[in-house]
Amino acid sequence: MSRLRRWENPIRMDVQFGDTVPAKQRVRDRNAVAAYGARLSRLTGVPITQTAAEGNFSVLILNEDDRAGYEDRLRQMVPGIAESSVRAFLNPPRSTLCLVIAFSGDGGNTYSRAVALIRGEHPDMLRLACIHEELAQGMGLANDSPQARPSIFNDDEEFGLLTRHDELLLKMLYDRRLSPGMSAVEAAPIAREIAAELLGGNA
């Protein structure tokens, strides 16, 4: 059964680049992650700070050649990471533009670690779209849905950057009336009440 999952503790976000990622691109991408992290913090109420050291939410921007040598580093970052997750990161299918995996330290419903992979070889706007989608999914909006519109959480890829609809979803997820571990049945009536409030009674 699917359970509500989110962060309860502050996030320390770090950006790591592969050796083959150019310096100019590093500046652009680091600034994009910092600006978007600040926006996610405002929406969710979770403190999100950028750190030069390794944090608990790592954004890896790697070209194909960089990914080939990253296995040991990934295992260091996430002790006990499943083989399937290692393969997903190191050899993503071409159809996978970017991805994120969030982990709970005790196997519960509160995230304590997340690692996002952004393909460094993507053009600027596609990398930015990946940053928007994967970092938001790493906050707990984990599933894409064809019913989510207008939204970046929709596999038709019509929307590349976080929409107003997505902002409301994040606000709902982090409303204190909801709590990690709730089932969809438990959360649904509360979520409807929150949605009605956010939409000014027009939900």
N, C-alpha and C. Protein backbone atom coordinates (compact mmCIF):
# COMPACT_ATOMS: atom_id res chain seq x y z
N MET A 1 0.85 -1.19 0.00
CA MET A 1 0.00 0.00 0.00
C MET A 1 0.88 1.24 0.00
N SER A 2 0.51 2.21 -0.80
CA SER A 2 1.27 3.45 -0.90
C SER A 2 1.02 4.30 0.34
N ARG A 3 2.08 4.89 0.87
CA ARG A 3 1.99 5.73 2.06
C ARG A 3 2.53 7.12 1.77
N LEU A 4 2.04 8.09 2.51
CA LEU A 4 2.52 9.46 2.36
C LEU A 4 3.97 9.53 2.87
N ARG A 5 4.85 10.06 2.04
CA ARG A 5 6.25 10.20 2.42
C ARG A 5 6.72 11.63 2.17
N ARG A 6 7.54 12.13 3.07
CA ARG A 6 8.08 13.49 2.90
C ARG A 6 9.27 13.66 3.86
N TRP A 7 9.90 14.82 3.79
CA TRP A 7 10.99 15.18 4.68
C TRP A 7 10.41 15.83 5.93
N GLU A 8 10.99 15.51 7.08
CA GLU A 8 10.62 16.16 8.32
C GLU A 8 11.78 16.97 8.89
N ASN A 9 12.99 16.68 8.44
CA ASN A 9 14.18 17.37 8.92
C ASN A 9 14.72 18.31 7.85
N PRO A 10 15.55 19.28 8.23
CA PRO A 10 16.14 20.20 7.25
C PRO A 10 16.94 19.46 6.18
N ILE A 11 16.94 20.03 5.00
CA ILE A 11 17.66 19.46 3.86
C ILE A 11 18.93 20.28 3.62
N ARG A 12 20.05 19.56 3.49
CA ARG A 12 21.32 20.17 3.09
C ARG A 12 21.59 19.67 1.67
N MET A 13 21.49 20.57 0.71
CA MET A 13 21.56 20.17 -0.70
C MET A 13 22.94 20.47 -1.27
N ASP A 14 23.54 19.46 -1.88
CA ASP A 14 24.84 19.67 -2.53
C ASP A 14 24.75 19.29 -4.00
N VAL A 15 25.60 19.92 -4.81
CA VAL A 15 25.65 19.64 -6.24
C VAL A 15 27.03 19.08 -6.56
N GLN A 16 27.06 17.93 -7.21
CA GLN A 16 28.33 17.31 -7.60
C GLN A 16 28.36 17.18 -9.13
N PHE A 17 29.51 17.52 -9.71
CA PHE A 17 29.66 17.50 -11.16
C PHE A 17 30.67 16.44 -11.57
N GLY A 18 30.41 15.83 -12.70
CA GLY A 18 31.40 14.94 -13.28
C GLY A 18 32.57 15.74 -13.83
N ASP A 19 33.70 15.08 -13.96
CA ASP A 19 34.93 15.77 -14.41
C ASP A 19 34.79 16.38 -15.79
N THR A 20 33.91 15.82 -16.63
CA THR A 20 33.81 16.30 -18.01
C THR A 20 32.79 17.43 -18.18
N VAL A 21 32.13 17.86 -17.10
CA VAL A 21 31.15 18.95 -17.20
C VAL A 21 31.90 20.29 -17.22
N PRO A 22 31.69 21.12 -18.24
CA PRO A 22 32.43 22.39 -18.38
C PRO A 22 32.15 23.37 -17.24
N ALA A 23 33.13 24.24 -16.97
CA ALA A 23 33.03 25.20 -15.86
C ALA A 23 31.83 26.13 -16.01
N LYS A 24 31.56 26.62 -17.22
CA LYS A 24 30.45 27.55 -17.42
C LYS A 24 29.12 26.87 -17.10
N GLN A 25 28.98 25.61 -17.50
CA GLN A 25 27.76 24.87 -17.21
C GLN A 25 27.61 24.64 -15.70
N ARG A 26 28.71 24.41 -15.02
CA ARG A 26 28.65 24.19 -13.57
C ARG A 26 28.07 25.41 -12.86
N VAL A 27 28.49 26.61 -13.27
CA VAL A 27 27.99 27.83 -12.65
C VAL A 27 26.48 27.95 -12.88
N ARG A 28 26.06 27.75 -14.13
CA ARG A 28 24.63 27.85 -14.47
C ARG A 28 23.80 26.85 -13.66
N ASP A 29 24.25 25.61 -13.62
CA ASP A 29 23.46 24.57 -12.96
C ASP A 29 23.45 24.73 -11.44
N ARG A 30 24.59 25.13 -10.88
CA ARG A 30 24.63 25.34 -9.42
C ARG A 30 23.68 26.48 -9.02
N ASN A 31 23.67 27.55 -9.82
CA ASN A 31 22.75 28.67 -9.53
C ASN A 31 21.29 28.24 -9.68
N ALA A 32 21.01 27.41 -10.68
CA ALA A 32 19.64 26.93 -10.89
C ALA A 32 19.17 26.08 -9.72
N VAL A 33 20.03 25.21 -9.22
CA VAL A 33 19.67 24.35 -8.08
C VAL A 33 19.45 25.20 -6.84
N ALA A 34 20.32 26.18 -6.60
CA ALA A 34 20.19 27.03 -5.41
C ALA A 34 18.88 27.82 -5.44
N ALA A 35 18.56 28.41 -6.59
CA ALA A 35 17.33 29.22 -6.71
C ALA A 35 16.09 28.34 -6.54
N TYR A 36 16.14 27.17 -7.13
CA TYR A 36 14.97 26.28 -7.05
C TYR A 36 14.84 25.67 -5.66
N GLY A 37 15.96 25.36 -5.02
CA GLY A 37 15.92 24.86 -3.65
C GLY A 37 15.26 25.87 -2.72
N ALA A 38 15.58 27.16 -2.90
CA ALA A 38 14.97 28.21 -2.09
C ALA A 38 13.46 28.27 -2.34
N ARG A 39 13.05 28.08 -3.58
CA ARG A 39 11.62 28.08 -3.90
C ARG A 39 10.92 26.89 -3.26
N LEU A 40 11.51 25.71 -3.31
CA LEU A 40 10.92 24.53 -2.69
C LEU A 40 10.81 24.71 -1.18
N SER A 41 11.80 25.37 -0.59
CA SER A 41 11.77 25.62 0.84
C SER A 41 10.59 26.52 1.21
N ARG A 42 10.37 27.56 0.41
CA ARG A 42 9.25 28.48 0.67
C ARG A 42 7.91 27.74 0.55
N LEU A 43 7.81 26.85 -0.41
CA LEU A 43 6.54 26.14 -0.64
C LEU A 43 6.24 25.10 0.43
N THR A 44 7.27 24.44 0.92
CA THR A 44 7.07 23.30 1.83
C THR A 44 7.28 23.65 3.29
N GLY A 45 8.01 24.73 3.56
CA GLY A 45 8.35 25.05 4.93
C GLY A 45 9.55 24.28 5.46
N VAL A 46 10.13 23.42 4.63
CA VAL A 46 11.31 22.66 5.03
C VAL A 46 12.55 23.53 4.79
N PRO A 47 13.39 23.74 5.80
CA PRO A 47 14.62 24.51 5.57
C PRO A 47 15.51 23.77 4.56
N ILE A 48 15.88 24.44 3.49
CA ILE A 48 16.77 23.86 2.47
C ILE A 48 17.95 24.80 2.29
N THR A 49 19.13 24.34 2.65
CA THR A 49 20.34 25.15 2.49
C THR A 49 21.28 24.45 1.53
N GLN A 50 22.08 25.24 0.84
CA GLN A 50 23.08 24.71 -0.08
C GLN A 50 24.39 24.50 0.68
N THR A 51 25.07 23.42 0.42
CA THR A 51 26.32 23.14 1.11
C THR A 51 27.39 22.69 0.11
N ALA A 52 28.62 23.10 0.37
CA ALA A 52 29.74 22.68 -0.48
C ALA A 52 30.17 21.26 -0.11
N ALA A 53 29.93 20.88 1.15
CA ALA A 53 30.22 19.51 1.57
C ALA A 53 29.07 18.61 1.14
N GLU A 54 29.23 17.31 1.32
CA GLU A 54 28.14 16.41 0.95
C GLU A 54 26.99 16.55 1.94
N GLY A 55 25.79 16.78 1.42
CA GLY A 55 24.62 16.95 2.26
C GLY A 55 23.78 15.68 2.34
N ASN A 56 22.47 15.86 2.54
CA ASN A 56 21.57 14.71 2.56
C ASN A 56 20.67 14.66 1.33
N PHE A 57 20.81 15.67 0.44
CA PHE A 57 20.11 15.64 -0.85
C PHE A 57 21.16 16.05 -1.89
N SER A 58 21.67 15.06 -2.60
CA SER A 58 22.75 15.30 -3.56
C SER A 58 22.21 15.34 -4.98
N VAL A 59 22.62 16.34 -5.72
CA VAL A 59 22.25 16.47 -7.13
C VAL A 59 23.51 16.19 -7.95
N LEU A 60 23.50 15.09 -8.66
CA LEU A 60 24.66 14.67 -9.45
C LEU A 60 24.44 15.08 -10.90
N ILE A 61 25.31 15.91 -11.42
CA ILE A 61 25.21 16.33 -12.82
C ILE A 61 26.40 15.70 -13.54
N LEU A 62 26.09 14.62 -14.27
CA LEU A 62 27.14 13.77 -14.82
C LEU A 62 26.92 13.53 -16.30
N ASN A 63 27.99 13.62 -17.08
CA ASN A 63 27.94 13.18 -18.47
C ASN A 63 28.09 11.66 -18.52
N GLU A 64 27.87 11.10 -19.69
CA GLU A 64 27.89 9.64 -19.82
C GLU A 64 29.22 9.04 -19.35
N ASP A 65 30.32 9.65 -19.75
CA ASP A 65 31.63 9.13 -19.34
C ASP A 65 31.84 9.22 -17.83
N ASP A 66 31.27 10.23 -17.21
CA ASP A 66 31.38 10.39 -15.75
C ASP A 66 30.63 9.28 -15.02
N ARG A 67 29.45 8.93 -15.51
CA ARG A 67 28.63 7.92 -14.84
C ARG A 67 29.32 6.57 -14.78
N ALA A 68 30.11 6.27 -15.80
CA ALA A 68 30.77 4.96 -15.87
C ALA A 68 31.68 4.71 -14.67
N GLY A 69 32.25 5.76 -14.09
CA GLY A 69 33.17 5.55 -12.98
C GLY A 69 32.61 5.96 -11.63
N TYR A 70 31.29 6.05 -11.51
CA TYR A 70 30.70 6.62 -10.30
C TYR A 70 30.17 5.57 -9.30
N GLU A 71 30.34 4.31 -9.61
CA GLU A 71 29.71 3.27 -8.77
C GLU A 71 30.19 3.33 -7.31
N ASP A 72 31.50 3.39 -7.11
CA ASP A 72 32.04 3.40 -5.74
C ASP A 72 31.56 4.63 -4.98
N ARG A 73 31.54 5.77 -5.67
CA ARG A 73 31.10 7.01 -5.03
C ARG A 73 29.64 6.92 -4.59
N LEU A 74 28.81 6.32 -5.45
CA LEU A 74 27.39 6.17 -5.15
C LEU A 74 27.19 5.26 -3.94
N ARG A 75 27.96 4.18 -3.88
CA ARG A 75 27.84 3.26 -2.74
C ARG A 75 28.29 3.93 -1.44
N GLN A 76 29.27 4.82 -1.56
CA GLN A 76 29.73 5.59 -0.38
C GLN A 76 28.62 6.52 0.12
N MET A 77 27.96 7.17 -0.83
CA MET A 77 26.93 8.14 -0.49
C MET A 77 25.71 7.50 0.14
N VAL A 78 25.35 6.31 -0.35
CA VAL A 78 24.15 5.62 0.13
C VAL A 78 24.53 4.20 0.54
N PRO A 79 25.05 4.01 1.74
CA PRO A 79 25.42 2.66 2.18
C PRO A 79 24.22 1.71 2.10
N GLY A 80 24.47 0.54 1.53
CA GLY A 80 23.40 -0.44 1.41
C GLY A 80 22.46 -0.21 0.25
N ILE A 81 22.81 0.68 -0.67
CA ILE A 81 21.95 0.95 -1.83
C ILE A 81 21.73 -0.32 -2.62
N ALA A 82 20.50 -0.52 -3.08
CA ALA A 82 20.15 -1.73 -3.83
C ALA A 82 20.85 -1.75 -5.18
N GLU A 83 21.16 -2.96 -5.65
CA GLU A 83 21.80 -3.11 -6.96
C GLU A 83 20.96 -2.50 -8.06
N SER A 84 19.65 -2.63 -7.95
CA SER A 84 18.77 -2.08 -8.98
C SER A 84 18.89 -0.56 -9.05
N SER A 85 19.07 0.09 -7.89
CA SER A 85 19.24 1.54 -7.87
C SER A 85 20.58 1.96 -8.45
N VAL A 86 21.62 1.17 -8.17
CA VAL A 86 22.94 1.45 -8.74
C VAL A 86 22.86 1.37 -10.26
N ARG A 87 22.22 0.33 -10.77
CA ARG A 87 22.10 0.17 -12.23
C ARG A 87 21.29 1.31 -12.84
N ALA A 88 20.23 1.72 -12.14
CA ALA A 88 19.38 2.80 -12.66
C ALA A 88 20.17 4.09 -12.81
N PHE A 89 21.09 4.32 -11.87
CA PHE A 89 21.90 5.54 -11.92
C PHE A 89 23.01 5.46 -12.96
N LEU A 90 23.68 4.33 -13.01
CA LEU A 90 24.87 4.24 -13.85
C LEU A 90 24.54 3.95 -15.30
N ASN A 91 23.44 3.23 -15.53
CA ASN A 91 23.07 2.86 -16.90
C ASN A 91 21.60 3.13 -17.17
N PRO A 92 21.17 4.38 -17.04
CA PRO A 92 19.75 4.66 -17.29
C PRO A 92 19.40 4.45 -18.76
N PRO A 93 18.22 3.91 -19.04
CA PRO A 93 17.82 3.78 -20.44
C PRO A 93 17.71 5.15 -21.09
N ARG A 94 17.85 5.19 -22.40
CA ARG A 94 17.83 6.48 -23.11
C ARG A 94 16.53 7.25 -22.85
N SER A 95 15.45 6.51 -22.60
CA SER A 95 14.16 7.16 -22.36
C SER A 95 14.10 7.86 -20.99
N THR A 96 15.05 7.53 -20.10
CA THR A 96 15.09 8.17 -18.78
C THR A 96 15.94 9.43 -18.87
N LEU A 97 15.29 10.58 -18.86
CA LEU A 97 16.00 11.85 -19.03
C LEU A 97 16.78 12.22 -17.77
N CYS A 98 16.24 11.85 -16.60
CA CYS A 98 16.84 12.15 -15.31
C CYS A 98 16.05 11.35 -14.27
N LEU A 99 16.57 11.25 -13.07
CA LEU A 99 15.86 10.46 -12.05
C LEU A 99 16.28 10.88 -10.66
N VAL A 100 15.48 10.49 -9.68
CA VAL A 100 15.81 10.74 -8.27
C VAL A 100 15.36 9.53 -7.46
N ILE A 101 16.13 9.21 -6.45
CA ILE A 101 15.74 8.17 -5.51
C ILE A 101 15.87 8.75 -4.11
N ALA A 102 14.79 8.66 -3.33
CA ALA A 102 14.80 9.14 -1.95
C ALA A 102 14.72 7.95 -1.01
N PHE A 103 15.45 8.03 0.08
CA PHE A 103 15.59 6.91 1.00
C PHE A 103 15.16 7.31 2.41
N SER A 104 14.59 6.34 3.13
CA SER A 104 14.30 6.51 4.55
C SER A 104 15.30 5.68 5.32
N GLY A 105 15.98 6.30 6.27
CA GLY A 105 17.04 5.61 6.99
C GLY A 105 16.55 4.37 7.73
N ASP A 106 15.33 4.42 8.25
CA ASP A 106 14.82 3.29 9.05
C ASP A 106 13.78 2.48 8.30
N GLY A 107 13.68 2.72 6.99
CA GLY A 107 12.67 2.01 6.20
C GLY A 107 11.27 2.55 6.43
N GLY A 108 11.16 3.69 7.11
CA GLY A 108 9.86 4.28 7.40
C GLY A 108 9.39 5.20 6.28
N ASN A 109 8.67 6.24 6.68
CA ASN A 109 8.04 7.12 5.69
C ASN A 109 8.58 8.55 5.71
N THR A 110 9.66 8.75 6.46
CA THR A 110 10.30 10.06 6.52
C THR A 110 11.64 9.98 5.80
N TYR A 111 11.83 10.80 4.79
CA TYR A 111 13.06 10.74 4.01
C TYR A 111 14.24 11.30 4.81
N SER A 112 15.39 10.65 4.63
CA SER A 112 16.61 11.14 5.27
C SER A 112 17.75 11.32 4.26
N ARG A 113 17.56 10.81 3.04
CA ARG A 113 18.61 10.90 2.01
C ARG A 113 17.97 10.85 0.63
N ALA A 114 18.46 11.67 -0.27
CA ALA A 114 17.99 11.62 -1.66
C ALA A 114 19.17 11.90 -2.58
N VAL A 115 19.15 11.23 -3.72
CA VAL A 115 20.18 11.45 -4.74
C VAL A 115 19.48 11.59 -6.09
N ALA A 116 19.75 12.70 -6.77
CA ALA A 116 19.17 12.94 -8.09
C ALA A 116 20.27 12.87 -9.14
N LEU A 117 19.95 12.30 -10.28
CA LEU A 117 20.86 12.26 -11.42
C LEU A 117 20.31 13.13 -12.54
N ILE A 118 21.09 14.12 -12.94
CA ILE A 118 20.75 14.97 -14.09
C ILE A 118 21.80 14.68 -15.16
N ARG A 119 21.36 14.29 -16.33
CA ARG A 119 22.31 14.02 -17.42
C ARG A 119 22.98 15.34 -17.84
N GLY A 120 24.28 15.41 -17.67
CA GLY A 120 25.01 16.63 -17.98
C GLY A 120 25.00 16.98 -19.46
N GLU A 121 24.78 15.97 -20.31
CA GLU A 121 24.84 16.20 -21.75
C GLU A 121 23.58 16.86 -22.30
N HIS A 122 22.52 16.98 -21.50
CA HIS A 122 21.29 17.63 -21.97
C HIS A 122 21.53 19.11 -22.27
N PRO A 123 20.78 19.69 -23.20
CA PRO A 123 20.82 21.14 -23.42
C PRO A 123 20.35 21.88 -22.16
N ASP A 124 20.65 23.18 -22.09
CA ASP A 124 20.38 23.96 -20.87
C ASP A 124 18.94 23.86 -20.38
N MET A 125 17.97 24.06 -21.26
CA MET A 125 16.57 24.07 -20.82
C MET A 125 16.10 22.70 -20.37
N LEU A 126 16.61 21.65 -20.99
CA LEU A 126 16.22 20.30 -20.58
C LEU A 126 16.83 19.96 -19.22
N ARG A 127 18.06 20.42 -18.98
CA ARG A 127 18.65 20.21 -17.65
C ARG A 127 17.84 20.94 -16.59
N LEU A 128 17.41 22.17 -16.90
CA LEU A 128 16.61 22.93 -15.94
C LEU A 128 15.29 22.23 -15.67
N ALA A 129 14.66 21.70 -16.72
CA ALA A 129 13.41 20.96 -16.54
C ALA A 129 13.63 19.73 -15.65
N CYS A 130 14.76 19.06 -15.85
CA CYS A 130 15.09 17.89 -15.02
C CYS A 130 15.28 18.30 -13.56
N ILE A 131 15.97 19.42 -13.34
CA ILE A 131 16.17 19.90 -11.97
C ILE A 131 14.81 20.16 -11.32
N HIS A 132 13.91 20.80 -12.03
CA HIS A 132 12.58 21.10 -11.49
C HIS A 132 11.83 19.81 -11.13
N GLU A 133 11.79 18.88 -12.05
CA GLU A 133 10.99 17.68 -11.81
C GLU A 133 11.61 16.79 -10.73
N GLU A 134 12.90 16.49 -10.84
CA GLU A 134 13.49 15.51 -9.93
C GLU A 134 13.61 16.03 -8.50
N LEU A 135 13.92 17.32 -8.33
CA LEU A 135 14.02 17.83 -6.97
C LEU A 135 12.65 17.88 -6.30
N ALA A 136 11.61 18.21 -7.08
CA ALA A 136 10.25 18.20 -6.52
C ALA A 136 9.81 16.77 -6.20
N GLN A 137 10.16 15.82 -7.06
CA GLN A 137 9.80 14.43 -6.77
C GLN A 137 10.56 13.93 -5.56
N GLY A 138 11.80 14.38 -5.40
CA GLY A 138 12.57 14.00 -4.23
C GLY A 138 12.02 14.56 -2.93
N MET A 139 11.13 15.55 -3.02
CA MET A 139 10.46 16.07 -1.82
C MET A 139 9.29 15.20 -1.40
N GLY A 140 8.86 14.28 -2.29
CA GLY A 140 7.78 13.36 -1.91
C GLY A 140 6.67 13.21 -2.93
N LEU A 141 6.64 14.05 -3.97
CA LEU A 141 5.65 13.87 -5.04
C LEU A 141 6.23 12.87 -6.03
N ALA A 142 6.21 11.62 -5.63
CA ALA A 142 7.05 10.63 -6.29
C ALA A 142 6.50 10.10 -7.62
N ASN A 143 5.20 10.16 -7.84
CA ASN A 143 4.63 9.48 -9.00
C ASN A 143 4.14 10.43 -10.08
N ASP A 144 4.42 10.08 -11.33
CA ASP A 144 3.81 10.79 -12.44
C ASP A 144 2.39 10.28 -12.63
N SER A 145 1.52 11.15 -13.10
CA SER A 145 0.14 10.74 -13.35
C SER A 145 -0.41 11.49 -14.56
N PRO A 146 -1.11 10.78 -15.47
CA PRO A 146 -1.72 11.46 -16.61
C PRO A 146 -2.83 12.42 -16.17
N GLN A 147 -3.35 12.24 -14.92
CA GLN A 147 -4.41 13.13 -14.43
C GLN A 147 -3.87 14.43 -13.85
N ALA A 148 -2.54 14.48 -13.64
CA ALA A 148 -1.94 15.69 -13.06
C ALA A 148 -1.73 16.71 -14.17
N ARG A 149 -2.60 17.74 -14.22
CA ARG A 149 -2.51 18.77 -15.25
C ARG A 149 -3.00 20.08 -14.69
N PRO A 150 -2.38 21.21 -15.02
CA PRO A 150 -1.09 21.33 -15.72
C PRO A 150 0.05 21.02 -14.74
N SER A 151 0.94 20.13 -15.13
CA SER A 151 1.93 19.65 -14.17
C SER A 151 3.16 19.10 -14.87
N ILE A 152 4.30 19.17 -14.15
CA ILE A 152 5.50 18.49 -14.65
C ILE A 152 5.46 17.01 -14.30
N PHE A 153 4.50 16.62 -13.45
CA PHE A 153 4.41 15.20 -13.05
C PHE A 153 3.46 14.47 -13.99
N ASN A 154 3.75 14.57 -15.25
CA ASN A 154 2.89 14.01 -16.29
C ASN A 154 3.81 13.58 -17.43
N ASP A 155 3.72 12.33 -17.79
CA ASP A 155 4.69 11.78 -18.75
C ASP A 155 4.56 12.33 -20.17
N ASP A 156 3.53 13.16 -20.43
CA ASP A 156 3.45 13.71 -21.78
C ASP A 156 4.45 14.85 -21.99
N GLU A 157 5.12 15.27 -20.91
CA GLU A 157 6.20 16.27 -20.98
C GLU A 157 5.75 17.59 -21.61
N GLU A 158 4.46 17.90 -21.45
CA GLU A 158 3.94 19.15 -21.99
C GLU A 158 4.48 20.35 -21.20
N PHE A 159 4.66 20.14 -19.90
CA PHE A 159 5.15 21.22 -19.03
C PHE A 159 6.53 20.87 -18.52
N GLY A 160 7.49 21.79 -18.67
CA GLY A 160 8.86 21.50 -18.29
C GLY A 160 9.24 22.03 -16.92
N LEU A 161 8.60 23.13 -16.48
CA LEU A 161 8.97 23.75 -15.21
C LEU A 161 7.79 23.71 -14.25
N LEU A 162 8.09 23.76 -12.97
CA LEU A 162 7.08 23.66 -11.92
C LEU A 162 5.93 24.63 -12.19
N THR A 163 4.71 24.12 -12.15
CA THR A 163 3.52 24.94 -12.42
C THR A 163 2.86 25.36 -11.11
N ARG A 164 1.87 26.25 -11.22
CA ARG A 164 1.10 26.66 -10.04
C ARG A 164 0.40 25.44 -9.43
N HIS A 165 -0.10 24.57 -10.25
CA HIS A 165 -0.73 23.33 -9.78
C HIS A 165 0.25 22.50 -8.95
N ASP A 166 1.48 22.39 -9.44
CA ASP A 166 2.51 21.64 -8.71
C ASP A 166 2.83 22.30 -7.37
N GLU A 167 2.88 23.63 -7.37
CA GLU A 167 3.14 24.34 -6.11
C GLU A 167 2.08 24.01 -5.07
N LEU A 168 0.82 23.95 -5.50
CA LEU A 168 -0.26 23.62 -4.57
C LEU A 168 -0.13 22.19 -4.06
N LEU A 169 0.29 21.28 -4.93
CA LEU A 169 0.49 19.89 -4.50
C LEU A 169 1.56 19.81 -3.42
N LEU A 170 2.64 20.55 -3.60
CA LEU A 170 3.72 20.56 -2.59
C LEU A 170 3.22 21.16 -1.28
N LYS A 171 2.46 22.25 -1.35
CA LYS A 171 1.92 22.85 -0.14
C LYS A 171 1.01 21.86 0.59
N MET A 172 0.20 21.13 -0.16
CA MET A 172 -0.70 20.15 0.44
C MET A 172 0.10 19.03 1.12
N LEU A 173 1.11 18.53 0.41
CA LEU A 173 1.91 17.43 0.95
C LEU A 173 2.54 17.80 2.29
N TYR A 174 2.95 19.06 2.43
CA TYR A 174 3.65 19.48 3.64
C TYR A 174 2.75 20.20 4.65
N ASP A 175 1.44 20.18 4.42
CA ASP A 175 0.52 20.72 5.41
C ASP A 175 0.59 19.85 6.67
N ARG A 176 0.64 20.48 7.84
CA ARG A 176 0.83 19.72 9.09
C ARG A 176 -0.36 18.86 9.45
N ARG A 177 -1.49 19.03 8.78
CA ARG A 177 -2.64 18.15 9.04
C ARG A 177 -2.42 16.75 8.44
N LEU A 178 -1.51 16.68 7.49
CA LEU A 178 -1.12 15.38 6.95
C LEU A 178 0.15 14.93 7.65
N SER A 179 0.36 13.64 7.73
CA SER A 179 1.58 13.16 8.39
C SER A 179 2.15 11.94 7.65
N PRO A 180 3.47 11.77 7.69
CA PRO A 180 4.11 10.63 7.02
C PRO A 180 3.51 9.32 7.51
N GLY A 181 3.31 8.40 6.55
CA GLY A 181 2.76 7.09 6.89
C GLY A 181 1.27 6.97 6.63
N MET A 182 0.59 8.10 6.41
CA MET A 182 -0.85 8.03 6.12
C MET A 182 -1.10 7.28 4.82
N SER A 183 -2.16 6.49 4.79
CA SER A 183 -2.56 5.84 3.54
C SER A 183 -3.35 6.83 2.70
N ALA A 184 -3.56 6.49 1.43
CA ALA A 184 -4.34 7.36 0.54
C ALA A 184 -5.75 7.56 1.08
N VAL A 185 -6.33 6.51 1.65
CA VAL A 185 -7.69 6.59 2.19
C VAL A 185 -7.74 7.55 3.37
N GLU A 186 -6.73 7.48 4.23
CA GLU A 186 -6.68 8.37 5.40
C GLU A 186 -6.44 9.82 4.97
N ALA A 187 -5.56 10.01 3.99
CA ALA A 187 -5.16 11.36 3.60
C ALA A 187 -6.19 12.06 2.73
N ALA A 188 -6.97 11.30 1.95
CA ALA A 188 -7.84 11.92 0.93
C ALA A 188 -8.80 12.97 1.48
N PRO A 189 -9.58 12.71 2.54
CA PRO A 189 -10.52 13.75 2.99
C PRO A 189 -9.81 15.00 3.51
N ILE A 190 -8.65 14.81 4.15
CA ILE A 190 -7.88 15.96 4.64
C ILE A 190 -7.32 16.74 3.47
N ALA A 191 -6.82 16.02 2.47
CA ALA A 191 -6.26 16.67 1.28
C ALA A 191 -7.32 17.49 0.55
N ARG A 192 -8.55 16.96 0.49
CA ARG A 192 -9.63 17.70 -0.17
C ARG A 192 -9.93 19.01 0.59
N GLU A 193 -9.90 18.92 1.91
CA GLU A 193 -10.15 20.11 2.74
C GLU A 193 -9.05 21.16 2.52
N ILE A 194 -7.79 20.70 2.47
CA ILE A 194 -6.67 21.62 2.25
C ILE A 194 -6.78 22.24 0.86
N ALA A 195 -7.11 21.41 -0.15
CA ALA A 195 -7.24 21.92 -1.51
C ALA A 195 -8.31 22.99 -1.61
N ALA A 196 -9.44 22.77 -0.91
CA ALA A 196 -10.52 23.75 -0.93
C ALA A 196 -10.04 25.07 -0.35
N GLU A 197 -9.27 25.00 0.72
CA GLU A 197 -8.74 26.22 1.34
C GLU A 197 -7.79 26.96 0.40
N LEU A 198 -6.86 26.17 -0.22
CA LEU A 198 -5.87 26.77 -1.10
C LEU A 198 -6.50 27.42 -2.32
N LEU A 199 -7.61 26.86 -2.77
CA LEU A 199 -8.28 27.39 -3.96
C LEU A 199 -9.39 28.39 -3.60
N GLY A 200 -9.42 28.78 -2.35
CA GLY A 200 -10.43 29.76 -1.91
C GLY A 200 -11.84 29.24 -1.93
N GLY A 201 -11.99 27.93 -1.67
CA GLY A 201 -13.33 27.34 -1.62
C GLY A 201 -13.84 26.91 -2.96
N ASN A 202 -12.98 26.98 -4.01
CA ASN A 202 -13.43 26.59 -5.35
C ASN A 202 -13.00 25.21 -5.76
N ALA A 203 -12.46 24.41 -4.82
CA ALA A 203 -11.98 23.07 -5.18
C ALA A 203 -13.14 22.15 -5.46
